């Protein structure tokens, strides 16, 4: 059973208020947000953004699988926004 299920109504209200206050405190810490957005490590390698906020250094490719199992590159290059 979830430990929250055993709490009383007043306890749950207090918990939700404290979580909301923590979320507001984190949201207001702009320096921490900016630091967190300067890069991220992913399974595909590090991600970084430029001054405009555009993702940089990421390439995408479109591949075509053939009946014999061969794979060819149909299109590759820097990633672009798709409308």
PDB file of N, CA and C in Angstrom:
ATOM      1  N   UNK A   1       0.844  -1.183   0.000  1.00  0.00           N
ATOM      2  CA  UNK A   1       0.000   0.000   0.000  1.00  0.00           C
ATOM      3  C   UNK A   1       0.880   1.233   0.000  1.00  0.00           C
ATOM      4  N   UNK A   2       0.480   2.224  -0.737  1.00  0.00           N
ATOM      5  CA  UNK A   2       1.193   3.485  -0.794  1.00  0.00           C
ATOM      6  C   UNK A   2       1.185   4.128   0.591  1.00  0.00           C
ATOM      7  N   UNK A   3       2.353   4.606   1.037  1.00  0.00           N
ATOM      8  CA  UNK A   3       2.426   5.213   2.370  1.00  0.00           C
ATOM      9  C   UNK A   3       1.556   6.455   2.470  1.00  0.00           C
ATOM     10  N   UNK A   4       1.309   7.126   1.343  1.00  0.00           N
ATOM     11  CA  UNK A   4       0.451   8.309   1.368  1.00  0.00           C
ATOM     12  C   UNK A   4      -0.992   7.945   1.686  1.00  0.00           C
ATOM     13  N   UNK A   5      -1.396   6.713   1.387  1.00  0.00           N
ATOM     14  CA  UNK A   5      -2.775   6.298   1.632  1.00  0.00           C
ATOM     15  C   UNK A   5      -3.075   6.220   3.121  1.00  0.00           C
ATOM     16  N   UNK A   6      -2.053   6.059   3.950  1.00  0.00           N
ATOM     17  CA  UNK A   6      -2.271   5.948   5.389  1.00  0.00           C
ATOM     18  C   UNK A   6      -2.276   7.307   6.082  1.00  0.00           C
ATOM     19  N   UNK A   7      -1.952   8.357   5.383  1.00  0.00           N
ATOM     20  CA  UNK A   7      -1.950   9.694   5.978  1.00  0.00           C
ATOM     21  C   UNK A   7      -3.375  10.216   6.093  1.00  0.00           C
ATOM     22  N   UNK A   8      -3.583  11.060   7.087  1.00  0.00           N
ATOM     23  CA  UNK A   8      -4.884  11.697   7.231  1.00  0.00           C
ATOM     24  C   UNK A   8      -5.035  12.836   6.240  1.00  0.00           C
ATOM     25  N   UNK A   9      -6.246  13.364   6.171  1.00  0.00           N
ATOM     26  CA  UNK A   9      -6.514  14.459   5.233  1.00  0.00           C
ATOM     27  C   UNK A   9      -5.622  15.665   5.512  1.00  0.00           C
ATOM     28  N   UNK A  10      -5.464  16.027   6.774  1.00  0.00           N
ATOM     29  CA  UNK A  10      -4.629  17.184   7.124  1.00  0.00           C
ATOM     30  C   UNK A  10      -3.178  16.943   6.720  1.00  0.00           C
ATOM     31  N   UNK A  11      -2.718  15.713   6.900  1.00  0.00           N
ATOM     32  CA  UNK A  11      -1.346  15.380   6.514  1.00  0.00           C
ATOM     33  C   UNK A  11      -1.140  15.479   5.014  1.00  0.00           C
ATOM     34  N   UNK A  12      -2.134  15.036   4.252  1.00  0.00           N
ATOM     35  CA  UNK A  12      -2.031  15.102   2.798  1.00  0.00           C
ATOM     36  C   UNK A  12      -2.053  16.555   2.318  1.00  0.00           C
ATOM     37  N   UNK A  13      -2.873  17.382   2.962  1.00  0.00           N
ATOM     38  CA  UNK A  13      -2.915  18.799   2.591  1.00  0.00           C
ATOM     39  C   UNK A  13      -1.573  19.453   2.895  1.00  0.00           C
ATOM     40  N   UNK A  14      -1.015  19.152   4.057  1.00  0.00           N
ATOM     41  CA  UNK A  14       0.288  19.715   4.422  1.00  0.00           C
ATOM     42  C   UNK A  14       1.371  19.242   3.459  1.00  0.00           C
ATOM     43  N   UNK A  15       1.323  17.974   3.076  1.00  0.00           N
ATOM     44  CA  UNK A  15       2.306  17.436   2.139  1.00  0.00           C
ATOM     45  C   UNK A  15       2.199  18.128   0.782  1.00  0.00           C
ATOM     46  N   UNK A  16       0.978  18.281   0.286  1.00  0.00           N
ATOM     47  CA  UNK A  16       0.812  18.917  -1.026  1.00  0.00           C
ATOM     48  C   UNK A  16       1.247  20.378  -0.989  1.00  0.00           C
ATOM     49  N   UNK A  17       0.975  21.066   0.126  1.00  0.00           N
ATOM     50  CA  UNK A  17       1.411  22.461   0.242  1.00  0.00           C
ATOM     51  C   UNK A  17       2.931  22.558   0.269  1.00  0.00           C
ATOM     52  N   UNK A  18       3.578  21.656   0.999  1.00  0.00           N
ATOM     53  CA  UNK A  18       5.043  21.712   1.063  1.00  0.00           C
ATOM     54  C   UNK A  18       5.655  21.385  -0.294  1.00  0.00           C
ATOM     55  N   UNK A  19       5.055  20.445  -1.031  1.00  0.00           N
ATOM     56  CA  UNK A  19       5.560  20.130  -2.367  1.00  0.00           C
ATOM     57  C   UNK A  19       5.378  21.320  -3.307  1.00  0.00           C
ATOM     58  N   UNK A  20       4.261  22.018  -3.193  1.00  0.00           N
ATOM     59  CA  UNK A  20       4.024  23.196  -4.029  1.00  0.00           C
ATOM     60  C   UNK A  20       5.026  24.296  -3.702  1.00  0.00           C
ATOM     61  N   UNK A  21       5.317  24.482  -2.419  1.00  0.00           N
ATOM     62  CA  UNK A  21       6.284  25.503  -2.019  1.00  0.00           C
ATOM     63  C   UNK A  21       7.674  25.154  -2.539  1.00  0.00           C
ATOM     64  N   UNK A  22       8.047  23.875  -2.473  1.00  0.00           N
ATOM     65  CA  UNK A  22       9.346  23.454  -2.995  1.00  0.00           C
ATOM     66  C   UNK A  22       9.418  23.686  -4.498  1.00  0.00           C
ATOM     67  N   UNK A  23       8.347  23.376  -5.209  1.00  0.00           N
ATOM     68  CA  UNK A  23       8.322  23.575  -6.660  1.00  0.00           C
ATOM     69  C   UNK A  23       8.470  25.053  -6.993  1.00  0.00           C
ATOM     70  N   UNK A  24       7.819  25.925  -6.239  1.00  0.00           N
ATOM     71  CA  UNK A  24       7.936  27.363  -6.481  1.00  0.00           C
ATOM     72  C   UNK A  24       9.351  27.842  -6.208  1.00  0.00           C
ATOM     73  N   UNK A  25       9.966  27.318  -5.156  1.00  0.00           N
ATOM     74  CA  UNK A  25      11.326  27.729  -4.820  1.00  0.00           C
ATOM     75  C   UNK A  25      12.292  27.324  -5.923  1.00  0.00           C
ATOM     76  N   UNK A  26      12.140  26.132  -6.450  1.00  0.00           N
ATOM     77  CA  UNK A  26      13.004  25.672  -7.533  1.00  0.00           C
ATOM     78  C   UNK A  26      12.747  26.497  -8.783  1.00  0.00           C
ATOM     79  N   UNK A  27      11.484  26.778  -9.069  1.00  0.00           N
ATOM     80  CA  UNK A  27      11.127  27.538 -10.262  1.00  0.00           C
ATOM     81  C   UNK A  27      11.709  28.945 -10.212  1.00  0.00           C
ATOM     82  N   UNK A  28      11.793  29.522  -9.044  1.00  0.00           N
ATOM     83  CA  UNK A  28      12.286  30.897  -8.906  1.00  0.00           C
ATOM     84  C   UNK A  28      13.802  30.982  -8.930  1.00  0.00           C
ATOM     85  N   UNK A  29      14.481  29.849  -8.794  1.00  0.00           N
ATOM     86  CA  UNK A  29      15.943  29.850  -8.805  1.00  0.00           C
ATOM     87  C   UNK A  29      16.418  29.805 -10.258  1.00  0.00           C
ATOM     88  N   UNK A  30      16.406  30.979 -10.912  1.00  0.00           N
ATOM     89  CA  UNK A  30      16.721  31.046 -12.334  1.00  0.00           C
ATOM     90  C   UNK A  30      18.153  30.623 -12.628  1.00  0.00           C
ATOM     91  N   UNK A  31      19.077  30.927 -11.730  1.00  0.00           N
ATOM     92  CA  UNK A  31      20.469  30.542 -11.957  1.00  0.00           C
ATOM     93  C   UNK A  31      20.593  29.023 -12.042  1.00  0.00           C
ATOM     94  N   UNK A  32      19.863  28.317 -11.182  1.00  0.00           N
ATOM     95  CA  UNK A  32      19.898  26.853 -11.219  1.00  0.00           C
ATOM     96  C   UNK A  32      19.269  26.324 -12.502  1.00  0.00           C
ATOM     97  N   UNK A  33      18.202  26.967 -12.955  1.00  0.00           N
ATOM     98  CA  UNK A  33      17.560  26.541 -14.200  1.00  0.00           C
ATOM     99  C   UNK A  33      18.492  26.734 -15.386  1.00  0.00           C
ATOM    100  N   UNK A  34      19.146  27.874 -15.439  1.00  0.00           N
ATOM    101  CA  UNK A  34      20.057  28.157 -16.549  1.00  0.00           C
ATOM    102  C   UNK A  34      21.212  27.167 -16.544  1.00  0.00           C
ATOM    103  N   UNK A  35      21.747  26.888 -15.366  1.00  0.00           N
ATOM    104  CA  UNK A  35      22.850  25.931 -15.261  1.00  0.00           C
ATOM    105  C   UNK A  35      22.406  24.553 -15.732  1.00  0.00           C
ATOM    106  N   UNK A  36      21.203  24.158 -15.369  1.00  0.00           N
ATOM    107  CA  UNK A  36      20.700  22.843 -15.759  1.00  0.00           C
ATOM    108  C   UNK A  36      20.490  22.744 -17.261  1.00  0.00           C
ATOM    109  N   UNK A  37      20.184  23.858 -17.911  1.00  0.00           N
ATOM    110  CA  UNK A  37      19.907  23.833 -19.344  1.00  0.00           C
ATOM    111  C   UNK A  37      21.144  23.994 -20.218  1.00  0.00           C
ATOM    112  N   UNK A  38      22.308  24.152 -19.622  1.00  0.00           N
ATOM    113  CA  UNK A  38      23.514  24.319 -20.429  1.00  0.00           C
ATOM    114  C   UNK A  38      23.967  23.024 -21.076  1.00  0.00           C
ATOM    115  N   UNK A  39      23.477  21.917 -20.644  1.00  0.00           N
ATOM    116  CA  UNK A  39      23.854  20.654 -21.262  1.00  0.00           C
ATOM    117  C   UNK A  39      23.146  19.502 -20.594  1.00  0.00           C
ATOM    118  N   UNK A  40      23.080  18.418 -21.314  1.00  0.00           N
ATOM    119  CA  UNK A  40      22.458  17.217 -20.771  1.00  0.00           C
ATOM    120  C   UNK A  40      23.150  16.015 -21.385  1.00  0.00           C
ATOM    121  N   UNK A  41      23.426  15.015 -20.570  1.00  0.00           N
ATOM    122  CA  UNK A  41      24.010  13.783 -21.077  1.00  0.00           C
ATOM    123  C   UNK A  41      22.891  12.810 -21.398  1.00  0.00           C
ATOM    124  N   UNK A  42      22.923  12.268 -22.606  1.00  0.00           N
ATOM    125  CA  UNK A  42      21.910  11.310 -23.037  1.00  0.00           C
ATOM    126  C   UNK A  42      22.602  10.050 -23.530  1.00  0.00           C
ATOM    127  N   UNK A  43      21.822   9.045 -23.880  1.00  0.00           N
ATOM    128  CA  UNK A  43      22.399   7.808 -24.412  1.00  0.00           C
ATOM    129  C   UNK A  43      23.047   8.048 -25.774  1.00  0.00           C
ATOM    130  N   UNK A  44      22.683   9.131 -26.435  1.00  0.00           N
ATOM    131  CA  UNK A  44      23.263   9.461 -27.733  1.00  0.00           C
ATOM    132  C   UNK A  44      24.443  10.416 -27.604  1.00  0.00           C
ATOM    133  N   UNK A  45      24.804  10.770 -26.389  1.00  0.00           N
ATOM    134  CA  UNK A  45      25.893  11.712 -26.167  1.00  0.00           C
ATOM    135  C   UNK A  45      25.380  13.004 -25.560  1.00  0.00           C
ATOM    136  N   UNK A  46      26.285  13.951 -25.342  1.00  0.00           N
ATOM    137  CA  UNK A  46      25.875  15.206 -24.703  1.00  0.00           C
ATOM    138  C   UNK A  46      25.062  16.094 -25.642  1.00  0.00           C
ATOM    139  N   UNK A  47      24.098  16.790 -25.064  1.00  0.00           N
ATOM    140  CA  UNK A  47      23.308  17.774 -25.797  1.00  0.00           C
ATOM    141  C   UNK A  47      23.670  19.153 -25.274  1.00  0.00           C
ATOM    142  N   UNK A  48      23.805  20.102 -26.179  1.00  0.00           N
ATOM    143  CA  UNK A  48      24.099  21.482 -25.808  1.00  0.00           C
ATOM    144  C   UNK A  48      23.277  22.415 -26.677  1.00  0.00           C
ATOM    145  N   UNK A  49      23.050  23.623 -26.170  1.00  0.00           N
ATOM    146  CA  UNK A  49      22.257  24.618 -26.877  1.00  0.00           C
ATOM    147  C   UNK A  49      23.086  25.866 -27.098  1.00  0.00           C
ATOM    148  N   UNK A  50      22.776  26.595 -28.168  1.00  0.00           N
ATOM    149  CA  UNK A  50      23.485  27.847 -28.427  1.00  0.00           C
ATOM    150  C   UNK A  50      22.799  29.003 -27.700  1.00  0.00           C
ATOM    151  N   UNK A  51      23.284  30.218 -27.950  1.00  0.00           N
ATOM    152  CA  UNK A  51      22.768  31.397 -27.254  1.00  0.00           C
ATOM    153  C   UNK A  51      21.294  31.650 -27.545  1.00  0.00           C
ATOM    154  N   UNK A  52      20.829  31.244 -28.725  1.00  0.00           N
ATOM    155  CA  UNK A  52      19.424  31.433 -29.095  1.00  0.00           C
ATOM    156  C   UNK A  52      18.526  30.346 -28.514  1.00  0.00           C
ATOM    157  N   UNK A  53      19.139  29.308 -27.966  1.00  0.00           N
ATOM    158  CA  UNK A  53      18.351  28.207 -27.429  1.00  0.00           C
ATOM    159  C   UNK A  53      18.158  27.067 -28.404  1.00  0.00           C
ATOM    160  N   UNK A  54      18.846  27.130 -29.555  1.00  0.00           N
ATOM    161  CA  UNK A  54      18.747  26.055 -30.538  1.00  0.00           C
ATOM    162  C   UNK A  54      19.698  24.926 -30.175  1.00  0.00           C
ATOM    163  N   UNK A  55      19.246  23.711 -30.371  1.00  0.00           N
ATOM    164  CA  UNK A  55      20.070  22.537 -30.123  1.00  0.00           C
ATOM    165  C   UNK A  55      21.200  22.509 -31.134  1.00  0.00           C
ATOM    166  N   UNK A  56      22.426  22.275 -30.672  1.00  0.00           N
ATOM    167  CA  UNK A  56      23.553  22.275 -31.603  1.00  0.00           C
ATOM    168  C   UNK A  56      24.277  20.932 -31.571  1.00  0.00           C
ATOM    169  N   UNK A  57      24.908  20.618 -32.690  1.00  0.00           N
ATOM    170  CA  UNK A  57      25.710  19.408 -32.782  1.00  0.00           C
ATOM    171  C   UNK A  57      24.918  18.129 -32.941  1.00  0.00           C
ATOM    172  N   UNK A  58      23.666  18.228 -33.304  1.00  0.00           N
ATOM    173  CA  UNK A  58      22.840  17.031 -33.454  1.00  0.00           C
ATOM    174  C   UNK A  58      22.590  16.799 -34.935  1.00  0.00           C
ATOM    175  N   UNK A  59      22.812  15.585 -35.368  1.00  0.00           N
ATOM    176  CA  UNK A  59      22.524  15.234 -36.748  1.00  0.00           C
ATOM    177  C   UNK A  59      21.474  14.146 -36.769  1.00  0.00           C
ATOM    178  N   UNK A  60      20.657  14.199 -37.779  1.00  0.00           N
ATOM    179  CA  UNK A  60      19.602  13.204 -37.933  1.00  0.00           C
ATOM    180  C   UNK A  60      19.727  12.588 -39.315  1.00  0.00           C
ATOM    181  N   UNK A  61      19.251  11.376 -39.449  1.00  0.00           N
ATOM    182  CA  UNK A  61      19.297  10.716 -40.742  1.00  0.00           C
ATOM    183  C   UNK A  61      18.015   9.956 -41.000  1.00  0.00           C
ATOM    184  N   UNK A  62      17.695   9.819 -42.271  1.00  0.00           N
ATOM    185  CA  UNK A  62      16.552   9.014 -42.687  1.00  0.00           C
ATOM    186  C   UNK A  62      17.124   7.856 -43.491  1.00  0.00           C
ATOM    187  N   UNK A  63      16.762   6.653 -43.084  1.00  0.00           N
ATOM    188  CA  UNK A  63      17.333   5.465 -43.709  1.00  0.00           C
ATOM    189  C   UNK A  63      16.259   4.663 -44.422  1.00  0.00           C
ATOM    190  N   UNK A  64      16.683   3.940 -45.426  1.00  0.00           N
ATOM    191  CA  UNK A  64      15.771   3.083 -46.174  1.00  0.00           C
ATOM    192  C   UNK A  64      16.245   1.641 -46.041  1.00  0.00           C
ATOM    193  N   UNK A  65      15.355   0.793 -45.536  1.00  0.00           N
ATOM    194  CA  UNK A  65      15.652  -0.629 -45.429  1.00  0.00           C
ATOM    195  C   UNK A  65      15.202  -1.314 -46.711  1.00  0.00           C
ATOM    196  N   UNK A  66      16.023  -2.220 -47.207  1.00  0.00           N
ATOM    197  CA  UNK A  66      15.711  -2.949 -48.434  1.00  0.00           C
ATOM    198  C   UNK A  66      15.323  -4.382 -48.095  1.00  0.00           C
ATOM    199  N   UNK A  67      14.670  -5.038 -49.019  1.00  0.00           N
ATOM    200  CA  UNK A  67      14.192  -6.407 -48.803  1.00  0.00           C
ATOM    201  C   UNK A  67      15.337  -7.359 -48.472  1.00  0.00           C
ATOM    202  N   UNK A  68      16.526  -7.097 -49.001  1.00  0.00           N
ATOM    203  CA  UNK A  68      17.664  -7.984 -48.734  1.00  0.00           C
ATOM    204  C   UNK A  68      18.349  -7.668 -47.406  1.00  0.00           C
ATOM    205  N   UNK A  69      17.793  -6.716 -46.642  1.00  0.00           N
ATOM    206  CA  UNK A  69      18.355  -6.363 -45.344  1.00  0.00           C
ATOM    207  C   UNK A  69      19.363  -5.229 -45.397  1.00  0.00           C
ATOM    208  N   UNK A  70      19.665  -4.752 -46.601  1.00  0.00           N
ATOM    209  CA  UNK A  70      20.617  -3.650 -46.737  1.00  0.00           C
ATOM    210  C   UNK A  70      19.978  -2.345 -46.258  1.00  0.00           C
ATOM    211  N   UNK A  71      20.824  -1.456 -45.833  1.00  0.00           N
ATOM    212  CA  UNK A  71      20.382  -0.162 -45.316  1.00  0.00           C
ATOM    213  C   UNK A  71      21.123   0.931 -46.067  1.00  0.00           C
ATOM    214  N   UNK A  72      20.402   1.891 -46.588  1.00  0.00           N
ATOM    215  CA  UNK A  72      21.043   3.030 -47.247  1.00  0.00           C
ATOM    216  C   UNK A  72      20.524   4.322 -46.632  1.00  0.00           C
ATOM    217  N   UNK A  73      21.361   5.332 -46.688  1.00  0.00           N
ATOM    218  CA  UNK A  73      20.982   6.637 -46.158  1.00  0.00           C
ATOM    219  C   UNK A  73      20.167   7.361 -47.218  1.00  0.00           C
ATOM    220  N   UNK A  74      18.924   7.678 -46.886  1.00  0.00           N
ATOM    221  CA  UNK A  74      18.069   8.413 -47.812  1.00  0.00           C
ATOM    222  C   UNK A  74      18.340   9.904 -47.704  1.00  0.00           C
ATOM    223  N   UNK A  75      18.584  10.375 -46.491  1.00  0.00           N
ATOM    224  CA  UNK A  75      18.874  11.791 -46.271  1.00  0.00           C
ATOM    225  C   UNK A  75      19.553  11.927 -44.919  1.00  0.00           C
ATOM    226  N   UNK A  76      20.552  12.776 -44.845  1.00  0.00           N
ATOM    227  CA  UNK A  76      21.199  13.028 -43.559  1.00  0.00           C
ATOM    228  C   UNK A  76      21.647  14.473 -43.505  1.00  0.00           C
ATOM    229  N   UNK A  77      21.959  14.917 -42.321  1.00  0.00           N
ATOM    230  CA  UNK A  77      22.425  16.284 -42.138  1.00  0.00           C
ATOM    231  C   UNK A  77      21.988  16.821 -40.795  1.00  0.00           C
ATOM    232  N   UNK A  78      22.219  18.106 -40.571  1.00  0.00           N
ATOM    233  CA  UNK A  78      21.819  18.703 -39.292  1.00  0.00           C
ATOM    234  C   UNK A  78      20.312  18.609 -39.094  1.00  0.00           C
ATOM    235  N   UNK A  79      19.927  18.459 -37.863  1.00  0.00           N
ATOM    236  CA  UNK A  79      18.496  18.377 -37.575  1.00  0.00           C
ATOM    237  C   UNK A  79      17.849  19.736 -37.798  1.00  0.00           C
ATOM    238  N   UNK A  80      16.629  19.720 -38.274  1.00  0.00           N
ATOM    239  CA  UNK A  80      15.887  20.952 -38.522  1.00  0.00           C
ATOM    240  C   UNK A  80      14.496  20.807 -37.942  1.00  0.00           C
ATOM    241  N   UNK A  81      13.888  21.938 -37.636  1.00  0.00           N
ATOM    242  CA  UNK A  81      12.519  21.914 -37.120  1.00  0.00           C
ATOM    243  C   UNK A  81      11.569  21.570 -38.254  1.00  0.00           C
ATOM    244  N   UNK A  82      10.582  20.763 -37.937  1.00  0.00           N
ATOM    245  CA  UNK A  82       9.576  20.375 -38.918  1.00  0.00           C
ATOM    246  C   UNK A  82       8.263  21.009 -38.507  1.00  0.00           C
ATOM    247  N   UNK A  83       7.639  21.719 -39.416  1.00  0.00           N
ATOM    248  CA  UNK A  83       6.357  22.369 -39.108  1.00  0.00           C
ATOM    249  C   UNK A  83       5.217  21.419 -39.319  1.00  0.00           C
TER     250      UNK A  83
END
